[in-house]
């Protein structure tokens, strides 16, 4: 190998397989948070791993592999949205069904219902708030990693997180008030 970033095909395939095993669900969920469509999120996920395979030699190691993969996911999702033929589709109930457990206790059902409502509210946020909330709460990235992933200042991340949480809180309180008054 000429330098430390060159990979032979066998090593490259092993590395990509490891990346796919570790991050496939997270990549899918992150892509879904942008496009809100199961099929499109699957397509984006496949495209992300193709890009990872093609560009693994360009990984500079100045960030974590997780951040690098998420950055590719965010950019691929945004590119998909920018395409003229793409329209944001309505929230899919099928997405939540895939994550529900088969347990039948009332408590589990209520918790799942509450989680579904919260997820629905998160997905209804505007993109700039949704992406930081998803990366922070669902992908467990640090503020600095989110900034690096999205290519924005950490103070901007903090501001968007604060505003996103505030909007979510308002929406959840408003919805709860409607349920009590209804």
N, C-alpha and C. Protein backbone atom coordinates (compact mmCIF):
# COMPACT_ATOMS: atom_id res chain seq x y z
N UNK A 1 0.84 -1.19 0.00
CA UNK A 1 0.00 0.00 0.00
C UNK A 1 0.88 1.24 0.00
N UNK A 2 0.48 2.21 -0.76
CA UNK A 2 1.27 3.43 -0.89
C UNK A 2 1.17 4.33 0.33
N UNK A 3 -0.02 4.48 0.90
CA UNK A 3 -0.16 5.28 2.11
C UNK A 3 -1.23 4.67 3.00
N UNK A 4 -1.44 5.26 4.15
CA UNK A 4 -2.33 4.66 5.14
C UNK A 4 -3.81 4.70 4.75
N UNK A 5 -4.18 5.43 3.71
CA UNK A 5 -5.59 5.49 3.31
C UNK A 5 -5.91 4.56 2.16
N UNK A 6 -4.90 3.84 1.61
CA UNK A 6 -5.16 2.88 0.54
C UNK A 6 -5.70 1.59 1.14
N UNK A 7 -6.68 1.01 0.45
CA UNK A 7 -7.26 -0.23 0.92
C UNK A 7 -7.27 -1.21 -0.23
N UNK A 8 -6.96 -2.49 0.05
CA UNK A 8 -7.18 -3.47 -1.00
C UNK A 8 -8.66 -3.82 -0.98
N UNK A 9 -9.13 -4.46 -2.02
CA UNK A 9 -10.57 -4.73 -2.18
C UNK A 9 -11.10 -5.56 -1.02
N UNK A 10 -10.33 -6.55 -0.57
CA UNK A 10 -10.79 -7.42 0.51
C UNK A 10 -10.96 -6.63 1.82
N UNK A 11 -9.97 -5.81 2.18
CA UNK A 11 -10.09 -4.99 3.39
C UNK A 11 -11.24 -4.01 3.27
N UNK A 12 -11.39 -3.42 2.10
CA UNK A 12 -12.46 -2.45 1.86
C UNK A 12 -13.82 -3.10 2.10
N UNK A 13 -14.01 -4.31 1.60
CA UNK A 13 -15.28 -5.01 1.77
C UNK A 13 -15.54 -5.36 3.23
N UNK A 14 -14.51 -5.74 3.95
CA UNK A 14 -14.64 -6.06 5.37
C UNK A 14 -15.02 -4.80 6.15
N UNK A 15 -14.36 -3.70 5.85
CA UNK A 15 -14.64 -2.43 6.54
C UNK A 15 -16.06 -1.98 6.26
N UNK A 16 -16.49 -2.03 5.01
CA UNK A 16 -17.85 -1.60 4.65
C UNK A 16 -18.88 -2.52 5.28
N UNK A 17 -18.62 -3.81 5.30
CA UNK A 17 -19.55 -4.75 5.94
C UNK A 17 -19.70 -4.42 7.42
N UNK A 18 -18.59 -4.09 8.08
CA UNK A 18 -18.63 -3.71 9.49
C UNK A 18 -19.43 -2.42 9.68
N UNK A 19 -19.21 -1.43 8.81
CA UNK A 19 -19.95 -0.17 8.87
C UNK A 19 -21.45 -0.43 8.70
N UNK A 20 -21.79 -1.27 7.73
CA UNK A 20 -23.20 -1.58 7.48
C UNK A 20 -23.83 -2.29 8.68
N UNK A 21 -23.11 -3.22 9.27
CA UNK A 21 -23.63 -3.93 10.44
C UNK A 21 -23.87 -2.99 11.62
N UNK A 22 -22.95 -2.05 11.81
CA UNK A 22 -23.07 -1.14 12.95
C UNK A 22 -24.10 -0.03 12.74
N UNK A 23 -24.21 0.49 11.51
CA UNK A 23 -24.95 1.73 11.31
C UNK A 23 -26.17 1.64 10.39
N UNK A 24 -26.52 0.46 9.89
CA UNK A 24 -27.61 0.39 8.91
C UNK A 24 -28.93 0.90 9.47
N UNK A 25 -29.27 0.51 10.68
CA UNK A 25 -30.54 0.97 11.27
C UNK A 25 -30.51 2.48 11.51
N UNK A 26 -29.39 2.98 12.02
CA UNK A 26 -29.27 4.41 12.29
C UNK A 26 -29.32 5.23 11.00
N UNK A 27 -28.67 4.73 9.96
CA UNK A 27 -28.68 5.42 8.67
C UNK A 27 -30.11 5.47 8.14
N UNK A 28 -30.81 4.34 8.23
CA UNK A 28 -32.19 4.29 7.76
C UNK A 28 -33.06 5.30 8.52
N UNK A 29 -32.96 5.29 9.84
CA UNK A 29 -33.78 6.20 10.66
C UNK A 29 -33.45 7.66 10.37
N UNK A 30 -32.18 7.96 10.19
CA UNK A 30 -31.78 9.33 9.88
C UNK A 30 -32.32 9.74 8.51
N UNK A 31 -32.19 8.87 7.53
CA UNK A 31 -32.72 9.16 6.19
C UNK A 31 -34.24 9.32 6.27
N UNK A 32 -34.90 8.45 7.03
CA UNK A 32 -36.35 8.53 7.17
C UNK A 32 -36.77 9.86 7.79
N UNK A 33 -35.98 10.35 8.72
CA UNK A 33 -36.32 11.62 9.36
C UNK A 33 -36.33 12.77 8.36
N UNK A 34 -35.62 12.63 7.26
CA UNK A 34 -35.62 13.65 6.22
C UNK A 34 -36.76 13.46 5.23
N UNK A 35 -36.93 12.24 4.73
CA UNK A 35 -37.87 12.02 3.63
C UNK A 35 -39.23 11.51 4.06
N UNK A 36 -39.32 10.97 5.26
CA UNK A 36 -40.59 10.49 5.82
C UNK A 36 -41.30 9.47 4.93
N UNK A 37 -40.52 8.63 4.30
CA UNK A 37 -41.08 7.57 3.45
C UNK A 37 -40.17 6.36 3.56
N UNK A 38 -40.75 5.21 3.87
CA UNK A 38 -39.97 4.01 4.12
C UNK A 38 -39.15 3.59 2.89
N UNK A 39 -39.76 3.54 1.74
CA UNK A 39 -39.06 3.13 0.53
C UNK A 39 -37.93 4.06 0.16
N UNK A 40 -38.19 5.36 0.25
CA UNK A 40 -37.14 6.34 -0.06
C UNK A 40 -36.00 6.27 0.94
N UNK A 41 -36.33 6.06 2.20
CA UNK A 41 -35.28 5.94 3.23
C UNK A 41 -34.42 4.71 2.96
N UNK A 42 -35.04 3.62 2.51
CA UNK A 42 -34.27 2.42 2.15
C UNK A 42 -33.35 2.70 0.97
N UNK A 43 -33.88 3.40 -0.04
CA UNK A 43 -33.07 3.76 -1.21
C UNK A 43 -31.88 4.63 -0.81
N UNK A 44 -32.15 5.61 0.03
CA UNK A 44 -31.08 6.51 0.49
C UNK A 44 -30.05 5.72 1.28
N UNK A 45 -30.51 4.81 2.13
CA UNK A 45 -29.58 3.99 2.92
C UNK A 45 -28.64 3.20 2.02
N UNK A 46 -29.20 2.59 0.98
CA UNK A 46 -28.37 1.84 0.04
C UNK A 46 -27.36 2.77 -0.64
N UNK A 47 -27.83 3.94 -1.04
CA UNK A 47 -26.95 4.91 -1.70
C UNK A 47 -25.83 5.34 -0.75
N UNK A 48 -26.15 5.52 0.53
CA UNK A 48 -25.14 5.92 1.52
C UNK A 48 -24.02 4.88 1.59
N UNK A 49 -24.39 3.60 1.65
CA UNK A 49 -23.36 2.57 1.78
C UNK A 49 -22.57 2.38 0.48
N UNK A 50 -23.19 2.65 -0.65
CA UNK A 50 -22.46 2.65 -1.92
C UNK A 50 -21.42 3.78 -1.90
N UNK A 51 -21.85 4.95 -1.44
CA UNK A 51 -20.92 6.09 -1.35
C UNK A 51 -19.79 5.80 -0.36
N UNK A 52 -20.13 5.16 0.76
CA UNK A 52 -19.09 4.79 1.73
C UNK A 52 -18.07 3.87 1.07
N UNK A 53 -18.55 2.88 0.34
CA UNK A 53 -17.66 1.94 -0.33
C UNK A 53 -16.75 2.65 -1.33
N UNK A 54 -17.36 3.51 -2.13
CA UNK A 54 -16.60 4.21 -3.17
C UNK A 54 -15.60 5.21 -2.60
N UNK A 55 -15.90 5.74 -1.40
CA UNK A 55 -15.10 6.84 -0.87
C UNK A 55 -14.34 6.52 0.41
N UNK A 56 -14.27 5.25 0.79
CA UNK A 56 -13.61 4.91 2.06
C UNK A 56 -12.15 5.38 2.06
N UNK A 57 -11.52 5.41 0.89
CA UNK A 57 -10.14 5.88 0.81
C UNK A 57 -10.02 7.37 1.17
N UNK A 58 -11.11 8.10 1.00
CA UNK A 58 -11.09 9.54 1.28
C UNK A 58 -11.36 9.86 2.75
N UNK A 59 -11.73 8.84 3.53
CA UNK A 59 -11.98 9.07 4.96
C UNK A 59 -10.68 9.49 5.61
N UNK A 60 -10.67 10.70 6.16
CA UNK A 60 -9.44 11.32 6.67
C UNK A 60 -9.10 10.92 8.10
N UNK A 61 -9.98 10.30 8.78
CA UNK A 61 -9.77 9.88 10.17
C UNK A 61 -9.66 11.06 11.14
N UNK A 62 -10.05 12.27 10.70
CA UNK A 62 -10.05 13.39 11.63
C UNK A 62 -11.40 13.49 12.35
N UNK A 63 -12.31 12.62 11.99
CA UNK A 63 -13.61 12.51 12.66
C UNK A 63 -13.85 11.02 12.88
N UNK A 64 -14.88 10.71 13.67
CA UNK A 64 -15.19 9.30 13.87
C UNK A 64 -15.87 8.75 12.62
N UNK A 65 -15.77 7.46 12.43
CA UNK A 65 -16.42 6.82 11.28
C UNK A 65 -17.93 7.03 11.35
N UNK A 66 -18.47 7.05 12.57
CA UNK A 66 -19.90 7.28 12.78
C UNK A 66 -20.31 8.64 12.24
N UNK A 67 -19.56 9.66 12.59
CA UNK A 67 -19.84 11.02 12.12
C UNK A 67 -19.73 11.09 10.60
N UNK A 68 -18.73 10.43 10.05
CA UNK A 68 -18.52 10.42 8.60
C UNK A 68 -19.72 9.79 7.89
N UNK A 69 -20.18 8.65 8.39
CA UNK A 69 -21.33 7.96 7.80
C UNK A 69 -22.59 8.82 7.93
N UNK A 70 -22.80 9.44 9.08
CA UNK A 70 -23.97 10.31 9.27
C UNK A 70 -23.91 11.52 8.35
N UNK A 71 -22.72 12.05 8.15
CA UNK A 71 -22.56 13.21 7.25
C UNK A 71 -22.97 12.82 5.82
N UNK A 72 -22.53 11.65 5.39
CA UNK A 72 -22.91 11.15 4.06
C UNK A 72 -24.43 10.96 4.00
N UNK A 73 -25.02 10.45 5.07
CA UNK A 73 -26.47 10.23 5.12
C UNK A 73 -27.22 11.55 5.03
N UNK A 74 -26.81 12.52 5.80
CA UNK A 74 -27.46 13.84 5.78
C UNK A 74 -27.35 14.45 4.38
N UNK A 75 -26.17 14.44 3.81
CA UNK A 75 -25.98 15.03 2.49
C UNK A 75 -26.76 14.29 1.41
N UNK A 76 -26.77 12.97 1.48
CA UNK A 76 -27.51 12.17 0.49
C UNK A 76 -29.00 12.44 0.63
N UNK A 77 -29.49 12.54 1.86
CA UNK A 77 -30.91 12.83 2.10
C UNK A 77 -31.28 14.21 1.56
N UNK A 78 -30.44 15.18 1.84
CA UNK A 78 -30.70 16.54 1.35
C UNK A 78 -30.67 16.59 -0.18
N UNK A 79 -29.73 15.87 -0.78
CA UNK A 79 -29.67 15.82 -2.25
C UNK A 79 -30.94 15.20 -2.80
N UNK A 80 -31.44 14.17 -2.15
CA UNK A 80 -32.66 13.51 -2.59
C UNK A 80 -33.84 14.47 -2.53
N UNK A 81 -33.91 15.24 -1.46
CA UNK A 81 -35.00 16.21 -1.29
C UNK A 81 -34.91 17.31 -2.35
N UNK A 82 -33.70 17.72 -2.69
CA UNK A 82 -33.51 18.80 -3.66
C UNK A 82 -33.93 18.42 -5.08
N UNK A 83 -33.96 17.13 -5.37
CA UNK A 83 -34.33 16.70 -6.72
C UNK A 83 -35.71 17.24 -7.06
N UNK A 84 -35.86 17.73 -8.27
CA UNK A 84 -37.13 18.33 -8.69
C UNK A 84 -38.29 17.35 -8.62
N UNK A 85 -38.02 16.09 -8.86
CA UNK A 85 -39.11 15.12 -8.89
C UNK A 85 -39.56 14.67 -7.51
N UNK A 86 -38.82 15.06 -6.47
CA UNK A 86 -39.15 14.61 -5.12
C UNK A 86 -40.12 15.56 -4.44
N UNK A 87 -41.15 15.01 -3.87
CA UNK A 87 -42.06 15.76 -3.01
C UNK A 87 -42.07 15.08 -1.65
N UNK A 88 -42.08 15.86 -0.59
CA UNK A 88 -42.11 15.28 0.74
C UNK A 88 -43.46 14.57 0.92
N UNK A 89 -43.38 13.32 1.26
CA UNK A 89 -44.58 12.52 1.43
C UNK A 89 -45.08 12.61 2.86
N UNK A 90 -46.35 12.32 3.02
CA UNK A 90 -46.93 12.38 4.35
C UNK A 90 -46.37 11.28 5.23
N UNK A 91 -46.44 11.52 6.51
CA UNK A 91 -45.97 10.61 7.53
C UNK A 91 -46.59 9.23 7.36
N UNK A 92 -45.78 8.20 7.43
CA UNK A 92 -46.25 6.84 7.19
C UNK A 92 -46.46 6.10 8.50
N UNK A 93 -47.68 5.61 8.69
CA UNK A 93 -47.97 4.83 9.90
C UNK A 93 -47.22 3.51 9.88
N UNK A 94 -46.93 3.01 8.70
CA UNK A 94 -46.21 1.76 8.56
C UNK A 94 -44.85 1.82 9.24
N UNK A 95 -44.19 3.00 9.21
CA UNK A 95 -42.89 3.17 9.84
C UNK A 95 -42.98 2.81 11.33
N UNK A 96 -44.00 3.31 12.00
CA UNK A 96 -44.14 3.03 13.43
C UNK A 96 -44.48 1.57 13.69
N UNK A 97 -45.26 0.97 12.82
CA UNK A 97 -45.65 -0.43 13.00
C UNK A 97 -44.43 -1.32 13.04
N UNK A 98 -43.40 -0.99 12.27
CA UNK A 98 -42.19 -1.80 12.23
C UNK A 98 -41.43 -1.76 13.55
N UNK A 99 -41.66 -0.75 14.36
CA UNK A 99 -40.93 -0.61 15.61
C UNK A 99 -41.75 -0.95 16.84
N UNK A 100 -42.99 -1.33 16.66
CA UNK A 100 -43.81 -1.73 17.79
C UNK A 100 -43.48 -3.16 18.20
N UNK A 101 -43.54 -3.44 19.46
CA UNK A 101 -43.28 -4.78 19.96
C UNK A 101 -44.58 -5.56 20.01
N UNK A 102 -44.48 -6.87 20.06
CA UNK A 102 -45.68 -7.70 20.03
C UNK A 102 -46.29 -7.91 21.42
N UNK A 103 -45.71 -7.32 22.45
CA UNK A 103 -46.28 -7.46 23.79
C UNK A 103 -47.66 -6.83 23.83
N UNK A 104 -48.52 -7.37 24.70
CA UNK A 104 -49.91 -6.90 24.68
C UNK A 104 -50.36 -6.20 25.96
N UNK A 105 -49.47 -5.97 26.90
CA UNK A 105 -49.91 -5.34 28.14
C UNK A 105 -50.35 -3.90 27.87
N UNK A 106 -51.28 -3.43 28.68
CA UNK A 106 -51.81 -2.08 28.51
C UNK A 106 -50.71 -1.03 28.69
N UNK A 107 -49.83 -1.24 29.64
CA UNK A 107 -48.76 -0.28 29.89
C UNK A 107 -47.82 -0.16 28.69
N UNK A 108 -47.45 -1.29 28.10
CA UNK A 108 -46.58 -1.27 26.93
C UNK A 108 -47.29 -0.56 25.78
N UNK A 109 -48.57 -0.84 25.61
CA UNK A 109 -49.33 -0.20 24.54
C UNK A 109 -49.36 1.31 24.73
N UNK A 110 -49.63 1.77 25.94
CA UNK A 110 -49.68 3.20 26.19
C UNK A 110 -48.32 3.87 25.96
N UNK A 111 -47.27 3.20 26.38
CA UNK A 111 -45.93 3.74 26.17
C UNK A 111 -45.61 3.82 24.68
N UNK A 112 -45.95 2.77 23.94
CA UNK A 112 -45.71 2.76 22.50
C UNK A 112 -46.52 3.86 21.81
N UNK A 113 -47.75 4.03 22.25
CA UNK A 113 -48.61 5.06 21.68
C UNK A 113 -48.01 6.45 21.94
N UNK A 114 -47.54 6.65 23.16
CA UNK A 114 -46.92 7.93 23.50
C UNK A 114 -45.64 8.14 22.68
N UNK A 115 -44.82 7.09 22.55
CA UNK A 115 -43.60 7.19 21.74
C UNK A 115 -43.93 7.48 20.28
N UNK A 116 -44.99 6.86 19.78
CA UNK A 116 -45.41 7.09 18.39
C UNK A 116 -45.83 8.55 18.21
N UNK A 117 -46.54 9.09 19.19
CA UNK A 117 -46.97 10.49 19.10
C UNK A 117 -45.77 11.43 19.14
N UNK A 118 -44.82 11.13 20.00
CA UNK A 118 -43.62 11.97 20.09
C UNK A 118 -42.83 11.89 18.79
N UNK A 119 -42.65 10.66 18.27
CA UNK A 119 -41.93 10.50 17.01
C UNK A 119 -42.64 11.25 15.89
N UNK A 120 -43.95 11.18 15.86
CA UNK A 120 -44.74 11.89 14.86
C UNK A 120 -44.49 13.41 14.97
N UNK A 121 -44.46 13.91 16.19
CA UNK A 121 -44.21 15.35 16.40
C UNK A 121 -42.79 15.72 15.98
N UNK A 122 -41.82 14.87 16.28
CA UNK A 122 -40.44 15.14 15.87
C UNK A 122 -40.37 15.20 14.35
N UNK A 123 -41.01 14.26 13.69
CA UNK A 123 -40.96 14.21 12.23
C UNK A 123 -41.72 15.36 11.58
N UNK A 124 -42.59 16.02 12.35
CA UNK A 124 -43.33 17.15 11.79
C UNK A 124 -42.58 18.48 11.96
N UNK A 125 -41.46 18.46 12.68
CA UNK A 125 -40.65 19.67 12.82
C UNK A 125 -40.06 20.06 11.46
N UNK A 126 -39.75 21.34 11.31
CA UNK A 126 -39.07 21.76 10.08
C UNK A 126 -37.71 21.07 10.05
N UNK A 127 -37.14 20.93 8.87
CA UNK A 127 -35.92 20.15 8.67
C UNK A 127 -34.79 20.59 9.59
N UNK A 128 -34.57 21.90 9.73
CA UNK A 128 -33.41 22.34 10.50
C UNK A 128 -33.51 21.96 11.98
N UNK A 129 -34.72 21.87 12.51
CA UNK A 129 -34.88 21.44 13.90
C UNK A 129 -34.93 19.92 13.98
N UNK A 130 -35.61 19.30 13.03
CA UNK A 130 -35.77 17.85 13.03
C UNK A 130 -34.41 17.16 12.97
N UNK A 131 -33.52 17.64 12.09
CA UNK A 131 -32.25 16.96 11.92
C UNK A 131 -31.40 16.99 13.20
N UNK A 132 -31.37 18.10 13.91
CA UNK A 132 -30.57 18.14 15.14
C UNK A 132 -31.22 17.33 16.25
N UNK A 133 -32.54 17.35 16.34
CA UNK A 133 -33.24 16.56 17.36
C UNK A 133 -33.03 15.07 17.12
N UNK A 134 -33.15 14.64 15.87
CA UNK A 134 -32.95 13.23 15.55
C UNK A 134 -31.51 12.81 15.84
N UNK A 135 -30.55 13.61 15.42
CA UNK A 135 -29.15 13.26 15.65
C UNK A 135 -28.81 13.23 17.14
N UNK A 136 -29.39 14.14 17.90
CA UNK A 136 -29.09 14.22 19.32
C UNK A 136 -29.79 13.12 20.13
N UNK A 137 -31.09 12.98 19.95
CA UNK A 137 -31.86 12.06 20.77
C UNK A 137 -31.96 10.64 20.23
N UNK A 138 -32.00 10.48 18.92
CA UNK A 138 -32.17 9.16 18.35
C UNK A 138 -30.84 8.53 17.95
N UNK A 139 -29.86 9.35 17.58
CA UNK A 139 -28.57 8.83 17.16
C UNK A 139 -27.49 9.03 18.23
N UNK A 140 -27.82 9.69 19.32
CA UNK A 140 -26.92 9.89 20.46
C UNK A 140 -25.60 10.58 20.09
N UNK A 141 -25.67 11.53 19.16
CA UNK A 141 -24.48 12.30 18.83
C UNK A 141 -24.33 13.46 19.81
N UNK A 142 -23.09 13.84 20.06
CA UNK A 142 -22.81 15.02 20.87
C UNK A 142 -23.03 16.26 20.03
N UNK A 143 -23.20 17.40 20.68
CA UNK A 143 -23.43 18.66 19.96
C UNK A 143 -22.31 18.92 18.97
N UNK A 144 -21.07 18.68 19.37
CA UNK A 144 -19.94 18.91 18.47
C UNK A 144 -19.99 17.97 17.26
N UNK A 145 -20.41 16.72 17.47
CA UNK A 145 -20.53 15.77 16.36
C UNK A 145 -21.66 16.16 15.41
N UNK A 146 -22.74 16.69 15.97
CA UNK A 146 -23.86 17.15 15.13
C UNK A 146 -23.38 18.32 14.26
N UNK A 147 -22.67 19.25 14.86
CA UNK A 147 -22.14 20.38 14.11
C UNK A 147 -21.24 19.92 12.97
N UNK A 148 -20.40 18.95 13.27
CA UNK A 148 -19.49 18.41 12.26
C UNK A 148 -20.28 17.68 11.17
N UNK A 149 -21.28 16.90 11.57
CA UNK A 149 -22.09 16.14 10.62
C UNK A 149 -22.86 17.06 9.68
N UNK A 150 -23.43 18.13 10.23
CA UNK A 150 -24.25 19.03 9.42
C UNK A 150 -23.46 20.19 8.82
N UNK A 151 -22.22 20.33 9.26
CA UNK A 151 -21.39 21.43 8.74
C UNK A 151 -21.84 22.78 9.27
N UNK A 152 -22.29 22.80 10.54
CA UNK A 152 -22.73 24.05 11.16
C UNK A 152 -22.02 24.25 12.49
N UNK A 153 -22.03 25.48 12.98
CA UNK A 153 -21.41 25.87 14.23
C UNK A 153 -22.11 25.18 15.41
N UNK A 154 -21.35 24.82 16.45
CA UNK A 154 -21.96 24.16 17.61
C UNK A 154 -22.99 25.05 18.31
N UNK A 155 -22.78 26.37 18.29
CA UNK A 155 -23.78 27.26 18.88
C UNK A 155 -25.09 27.21 18.10
N UNK A 156 -24.99 27.05 16.78
CA UNK A 156 -26.19 26.90 15.95
C UNK A 156 -26.90 25.61 16.32
N UNK A 157 -26.14 24.54 16.54
CA UNK A 157 -26.73 23.26 16.96
C UNK A 157 -27.48 23.45 18.27
N UNK A 158 -26.85 24.09 19.24
CA UNK A 158 -27.47 24.32 20.54
C UNK A 158 -28.76 25.13 20.41
N UNK A 159 -28.70 26.16 19.59
CA UNK A 159 -29.88 27.01 19.38
C UNK A 159 -31.01 26.21 18.74
N UNK A 160 -30.68 25.43 17.72
CA UNK A 160 -31.71 24.63 17.05
C UNK A 160 -32.28 23.55 17.97
N UNK A 161 -31.43 22.96 18.79
CA UNK A 161 -31.91 21.97 19.76
C UNK A 161 -32.89 22.61 20.74
N UNK A 162 -32.50 23.76 21.26
CA UNK A 162 -33.36 24.47 22.22
C UNK A 162 -34.69 24.84 21.57
N UNK A 163 -34.64 25.39 20.39
CA UNK A 163 -35.86 25.78 19.69
C UNK A 163 -36.70 24.56 19.31
N UNK A 164 -36.05 23.50 18.85
CA UNK A 164 -36.77 22.27 18.49
C UNK A 164 -37.48 21.66 19.69
N UNK A 165 -36.79 21.62 20.83
CA UNK A 165 -37.41 21.11 22.07
C UNK A 165 -38.59 21.98 22.48
N UNK A 166 -38.43 23.29 22.34
CA UNK A 166 -39.50 24.22 22.70
C UNK A 166 -40.73 24.00 21.82
N UNK A 167 -40.52 23.84 20.53
CA UNK A 167 -41.64 23.59 19.62
C UNK A 167 -42.31 22.27 19.95
N UNK A 168 -41.51 21.25 20.22
CA UNK A 168 -42.08 19.94 20.59
C UNK A 168 -42.91 20.05 21.86
N UNK A 169 -42.36 20.74 22.84
CA UNK A 169 -43.07 20.91 24.11
C UNK A 169 -44.40 21.62 23.90
N UNK A 170 -44.37 22.71 23.11
CA UNK A 170 -45.60 23.44 22.82
C UNK A 170 -46.62 22.55 22.12
N UNK A 171 -46.17 21.78 21.14
CA UNK A 171 -47.07 20.90 20.39
C UNK A 171 -47.65 19.80 21.28
N UNK A 172 -46.83 19.25 22.15
CA UNK A 172 -47.31 18.18 23.03
C UNK A 172 -48.27 18.72 24.08
N UNK A 173 -47.98 19.90 24.63
CA UNK A 173 -48.89 20.51 25.60
C UNK A 173 -50.19 20.89 24.94
N UNK A 174 -50.12 21.46 23.75
CA UNK A 174 -51.31 21.83 22.99
C UNK A 174 -52.16 20.61 22.69
N UNK A 175 -51.51 19.52 22.26
CA UNK A 175 -52.25 18.29 21.96
C UNK A 175 -52.88 17.70 23.22
N UNK A 176 -52.15 17.74 24.33
CA UNK A 176 -52.68 17.21 25.58
C UNK A 176 -53.89 18.05 26.04
N UNK A 177 -53.78 19.36 25.89
CA UNK A 177 -54.89 20.26 26.25
C UNK A 177 -56.12 19.97 25.40
N UNK A 178 -55.91 19.73 24.10
CA UNK A 178 -57.02 19.38 23.20
C UNK A 178 -57.67 18.07 23.63
N UNK A 179 -56.84 17.10 24.05
CA UNK A 179 -57.38 15.81 24.45
C UNK A 179 -58.21 15.95 25.72
N UNK A 180 -57.75 16.80 26.64
CA UNK A 180 -58.49 16.99 27.87
C UNK A 180 -59.78 17.76 27.64
N UNK A 181 -59.75 18.72 26.70
CA UNK A 181 -60.93 19.53 26.40
C UNK A 181 -61.91 18.85 25.47
N UNK A 182 -61.43 17.83 24.74
CA UNK A 182 -62.26 17.16 23.76
C UNK A 182 -63.14 16.17 24.37
